[in-house]
Amino acid sequence: MLNIAVCDDEAFYREKIKNELRAILEQRGIADYRIDTWTSGEELCNNQEKIEEYQIVFLDINMEKMTGLEAAKIIKSVNQDIYLVFVTAYVDYAVEGYKVEAIRFLLKDMLDGTLTECVDTVLEKMKYHRHKEKFSFVDGEREVLIHKIIYIESNKHKQIFHVQGETEQTFLLSGKLEDTQKRLEEYGFIRIHKSFLVNVKMITDVRNYNVTLKNGKILPVPREKFRQVKLQYFEMMGEI
């Protein structure tokens, strides 16, 4: 089931977004969905078991007491894989929104023209999130969720897959990193170094000839490759 939350302290926009989402999903042939509405950021954030169930949250930024940006930080701490869409009357929050990986900013007076594209984009990304690849690791064949791969390291003719989970896991794969790169490039993996292939969604910062990952790991980028890596990162994050 597709579980969606709409959080806005204005009843008009809560109902407008909910009704338009219903129409869009039904046009896409999606019948198995639930749309919950919340009247404040506090109300939503006090129901963390619900947050764990949601795939998409539409958040008004300019709510009283707890803003949408404040709520987004709590939501992301509970459910890292959730897609955040900010709905606002203003355009001044892009930088803060990117810190919590908002996938879109929708202006309230332009919802009729932007909500459909936003939903289609999120649904397409969710296919990516569910995608699995089968690898013949040293300890046996295993399916891995692509979006859970943090980075892959080449070391002494072996590839070390660092995979996100309750605790970070590592798996060994024989073969060349070049072959894995060709296999994973379409899913947003960047070759930042001859020894490192990185999932762009796991990067939190690119500076000083290094990339910083969500797990706190800092990986080097050669000086001659840094500009190219930085451009690739911003291009791909723009698409995401």
Protein backbone atom coordinates (compact mmCIF):
# COMPACT_ATOMS: atom_id res chain seq x y z
CA MET A 1 0.00 0.00 0.00
CA LEU A 2 1.09 3.56 -0.77
CA ASN A 3 0.88 5.57 2.46
CA ILE A 4 0.86 9.36 2.19
CA ALA A 5 0.60 12.14 4.77
CA VAL A 6 -0.55 15.71 4.15
CA CYS A 7 0.35 18.11 6.97
CA ASP A 8 -0.97 21.67 6.77
CA ASP A 9 -2.62 23.91 9.35
CA GLU A 10 -4.94 25.37 6.68
CA ALA A 11 -7.97 23.14 6.09
CA PHE A 12 -8.43 24.46 2.54
CA TYR A 13 -5.00 23.26 1.40
CA ARG A 14 -5.18 19.98 3.33
CA GLU A 15 -8.33 19.05 1.45
CA LYS A 16 -7.13 20.47 -1.87
CA ILE A 17 -3.92 18.43 -1.83
CA LYS A 18 -5.72 15.31 -0.60
CA ASN A 19 -8.38 15.50 -3.32
CA GLU A 20 -5.88 16.22 -6.08
CA LEU A 21 -3.67 13.34 -4.93
CA ARG A 22 -6.66 10.99 -5.08
CA ALA A 23 -7.42 12.06 -8.64
CA ILE A 24 -3.79 11.69 -9.76
CA LEU A 25 -3.35 8.25 -8.19
CA GLU A 26 -6.59 6.97 -9.65
CA GLN A 27 -5.56 8.28 -13.10
CA ARG A 28 -2.35 6.27 -12.68
CA GLY A 29 -4.35 3.13 -11.86
CA ILE A 30 -3.18 3.09 -8.23
CA ALA A 31 -6.06 1.94 -6.02
CA ASP A 32 -4.18 0.63 -2.99
CA TYR A 33 -3.33 3.83 -1.15
CA ARG A 34 -4.08 5.76 2.04
CA ILE A 35 -3.88 9.53 2.52
CA ASP A 36 -3.84 10.80 6.11
CA THR A 37 -4.18 14.48 6.96
CA TRP A 38 -2.55 16.24 9.91
CA THR A 39 -3.32 19.71 11.22
CA SER A 40 0.13 20.51 12.67
CA GLY A 41 3.74 19.42 12.71
CA GLU A 42 3.45 18.55 16.41
CA GLU A 43 0.49 16.28 15.79
CA LEU A 44 2.34 14.38 13.07
CA CYS A 45 5.66 14.15 14.91
CA ASN A 46 3.95 12.80 18.03
CA ASN A 47 2.83 9.78 15.99
CA GLN A 48 6.16 8.24 15.05
CA GLU A 49 4.66 4.81 14.37
CA LYS A 50 2.68 6.46 11.56
CA ILE A 51 5.77 8.21 10.20
CA GLU A 52 7.46 4.81 9.86
CA GLU A 53 4.61 3.71 7.56
CA TYR A 54 4.63 6.69 5.20
CA GLN A 55 6.44 6.77 1.88
CA ILE A 56 5.54 10.40 1.05
CA VAL A 57 4.83 13.43 3.26
CA PHE A 58 3.52 16.76 1.97
CA LEU A 59 4.51 19.44 4.51
CA ASP A 60 3.44 23.05 4.78
CA ILE A 61 6.53 25.05 5.74
CA ASN A 62 4.80 28.02 7.37
CA MET A 63 2.90 26.38 10.21
CA GLU A 64 2.62 27.90 13.67
CA LYS A 65 4.62 26.57 16.63
CA MET A 66 6.49 23.81 14.78
CA THR A 67 7.42 24.76 11.22
CA GLY A 68 7.52 22.28 8.39
CA LEU A 69 11.32 22.45 8.36
CA GLU A 70 11.45 21.56 12.06
CA ALA A 71 8.98 18.73 11.54
CA ALA A 72 10.97 17.48 8.54
CA LYS A 73 14.11 16.97 10.65
CA ILE A 74 12.18 14.82 13.12
CA ILE A 75 10.44 12.89 10.34
CA LYS A 76 13.76 12.14 8.63
CA SER A 77 15.29 10.97 11.91
CA VAL A 78 12.45 8.43 12.19
CA ASN A 79 12.21 7.38 8.53
CA GLN A 80 15.26 8.09 6.36
CA ASP A 81 13.66 6.69 3.22
CA ILE A 82 10.62 8.97 3.26
CA TYR A 83 10.06 11.44 0.41
CA LEU A 84 9.46 14.99 1.65
CA VAL A 85 7.55 17.50 -0.45
CA PHE A 86 7.34 21.04 0.92
CA VAL A 87 4.25 23.08 0.11
CA THR A 88 4.65 26.80 0.69
CA ALA A 89 3.47 30.25 -0.27
CA TYR A 90 7.11 31.44 -0.40
CA VAL A 91 10.28 30.49 -2.27
CA ASP A 92 12.90 31.34 0.34
CA TYR A 93 13.51 27.93 1.90
CA ALA A 94 15.35 25.93 -0.76
CA VAL A 95 18.71 25.76 1.03
CA GLU A 96 17.17 24.58 4.31
CA GLY A 97 14.98 22.12 2.44
CA TYR A 98 17.91 20.47 0.74
CA LYS A 99 19.42 19.76 4.16
CA VAL A 100 16.52 17.38 4.82
CA GLU A 101 16.56 16.09 1.23
CA ALA A 102 13.23 17.52 0.14
CA ILE A 103 12.43 16.18 -3.31
CA ARG A 104 10.24 19.14 -4.33
CA PHE A 105 9.05 22.62 -3.29
CA LEU A 106 5.51 23.34 -4.48
CA LEU A 107 4.03 26.83 -4.40
CA LYS A 108 0.48 26.86 -3.07
CA ASP A 109 -0.81 29.10 -5.85
CA MET A 110 0.65 26.77 -8.52
CA LEU A 111 -0.44 23.37 -7.21
CA ASP A 112 -2.70 22.68 -10.19
CA GLY A 113 0.29 22.75 -12.51
CA THR A 114 2.97 21.10 -10.38
CA LEU A 115 1.42 18.41 -8.19
CA THR A 116 1.02 15.86 -11.00
CA GLU A 117 4.67 16.14 -12.07
CA CYS A 118 5.75 15.87 -8.44
CA VAL A 119 3.76 12.68 -7.84
CA ASP A 120 5.03 11.11 -11.06
CA THR A 121 8.62 11.92 -10.06
CA VAL A 122 8.23 10.38 -6.61
CA LEU A 123 6.58 7.25 -7.99
CA GLU A 124 9.45 6.85 -10.46
CA LYS A 125 12.00 7.25 -7.66
CA MET A 126 10.16 4.66 -5.58
CA LYS A 127 10.72 2.13 -8.36
CA TYR A 128 14.42 2.90 -7.96
CA HIS A 129 14.11 2.42 -4.22
CA ARG A 130 12.62 -1.02 -4.63
CA HIS A 131 15.13 -2.16 -7.23
CA LYS A 132 17.29 -5.13 -6.33
CA GLU A 133 20.35 -6.58 -8.03
CA LYS A 134 21.72 -10.06 -7.53
CA PHE A 135 25.45 -10.37 -6.82
CA SER A 136 27.61 -13.47 -6.49
CA PHE A 137 29.48 -12.51 -3.35
CA VAL A 138 32.34 -14.57 -1.90
CA ASP A 139 29.99 -15.97 0.77
CA GLY A 140 27.22 -16.77 -1.73
CA GLU A 141 24.65 -15.23 -4.03
CA ARG A 142 22.60 -12.43 -2.51
CA GLU A 143 20.04 -9.84 -3.64
CA VAL A 144 20.83 -6.29 -2.54
CA LEU A 145 18.55 -3.24 -2.53
CA ILE A 146 20.39 -0.74 -4.70
CA HIS A 147 19.49 2.31 -2.60
CA LYS A 148 20.99 0.65 0.49
CA ILE A 149 24.50 0.45 -1.02
CA ILE A 150 26.56 3.28 0.50
CA TYR A 151 29.76 2.80 -1.49
CA ILE A 152 31.95 0.10 -3.00
CA GLU A 153 35.66 -0.07 -2.39
CA SER A 154 38.22 -1.86 -4.53
CA ASN A 155 41.01 -3.50 -2.52
CA LYS A 156 43.45 -6.20 -3.62
CA HIS A 157 41.35 -7.58 -6.49
CA LYS A 158 38.23 -7.66 -4.32
CA GLN A 159 35.31 -5.25 -4.12
CA ILE A 160 33.96 -4.43 -0.67
CA PHE A 161 30.28 -3.48 -0.68
CA HIS A 162 29.30 -1.25 2.25
CA VAL A 163 25.54 -1.70 2.68
CA GLN A 164 23.19 0.22 4.96
CA GLY A 165 21.09 -1.70 7.48
CA GLU A 166 20.35 -1.70 11.18
CA THR A 167 24.12 -1.98 11.35
CA GLU A 168 26.35 -1.42 8.34
CA GLN A 169 27.19 -4.66 6.53
CA THR A 170 30.04 -5.49 4.18
CA PHE A 171 30.16 -8.09 1.42
CA LEU A 172 33.10 -9.19 -0.74
CA LEU A 173 32.80 -9.52 -4.50
CA SER A 174 35.46 -10.75 -6.91
CA GLY A 175 35.98 -8.84 -10.14
CA LYS A 176 36.76 -5.37 -11.44
CA LEU A 177 35.21 -2.19 -10.08
CA GLU A 178 34.84 -1.03 -13.68
CA ASP A 179 32.32 -3.81 -14.34
CA THR A 180 30.26 -2.90 -11.26
CA GLN A 181 30.41 0.75 -12.26
CA LYS A 182 28.85 -0.01 -15.65
CA ARG A 183 26.15 -2.02 -13.90
CA LEU A 184 25.24 0.66 -11.33
CA GLU A 185 25.78 3.98 -13.14
CA GLU A 186 22.12 4.19 -14.17
CA TYR A 187 21.15 4.12 -10.48
CA GLY A 188 23.20 7.20 -9.60
CA PHE A 189 26.63 5.84 -8.65
CA ILE A 190 29.71 8.03 -9.16
CA ARG A 191 33.29 6.83 -9.58
CA ILE A 192 35.04 9.39 -7.36
CA HIS A 193 38.41 7.61 -7.25
CA LYS A 194 40.00 4.59 -8.87
CA SER A 195 39.17 2.69 -5.67
CA PHE A 196 35.71 4.08 -4.81
CA LEU A 197 32.28 3.89 -6.42
CA VAL A 198 29.74 5.91 -4.40
CA ASN A 199 25.95 6.08 -4.27
CA VAL A 200 25.22 9.79 -4.88
CA LYS A 201 22.23 9.69 -2.48
CA MET A 202 24.59 8.74 0.33
CA ILE A 203 26.75 11.85 -0.15
CA THR A 204 26.18 14.71 2.29
CA ASP A 205 29.02 17.02 1.25
CA VAL A 206 31.63 17.51 -1.48
CA ARG A 207 34.52 19.81 -0.59
CA ASN A 208 38.28 20.04 -0.01
CA TYR A 209 38.93 17.11 -2.37
CA ASN A 210 36.78 14.79 -0.26
CA VAL A 211 33.23 13.49 -0.20
CA THR A 212 31.45 12.95 3.12
CA LEU A 213 28.90 10.14 3.34
CA LYS A 214 25.83 9.67 5.52
CA ASN A 215 27.65 7.10 7.65
CA GLY A 216 30.32 9.71 8.48
CA LYS A 217 32.94 8.17 6.22
CA ILE A 218 35.15 10.64 4.34
CA LEU A 219 36.58 9.46 1.02
CA PRO A 220 39.29 11.21 -1.00
CA VAL A 221 38.81 12.61 -4.49
CA PRO A 222 41.93 13.18 -6.64
CA ARG A 223 42.57 16.86 -7.36
CA GLU A 224 42.34 16.35 -11.12
CA LYS A 225 38.98 14.59 -10.77
CA PHE A 226 37.38 16.85 -8.15
CA ARG A 227 35.65 19.33 -10.47
CA GLN A 228 34.11 16.53 -12.52
CA VAL A 229 32.88 14.70 -9.40
CA LYS A 230 31.37 17.88 -7.97
CA LEU A 231 29.53 18.61 -11.21
CA GLN A 232 28.23 15.04 -11.40
CA TYR A 233 27.05 15.24 -7.81
CA PHE A 234 25.06 18.46 -8.29
CA GLU A 235 23.63 17.30 -11.62
CA MET A 236 22.43 14.01 -10.14
CA MET A 237 21.08 15.61 -6.96
CA GLY A 238 19.14 18.01 -9.15
CA GLU A 239 17.54 15.05 -10.91
CA ILE A 240 16.81 13.32 -7.59
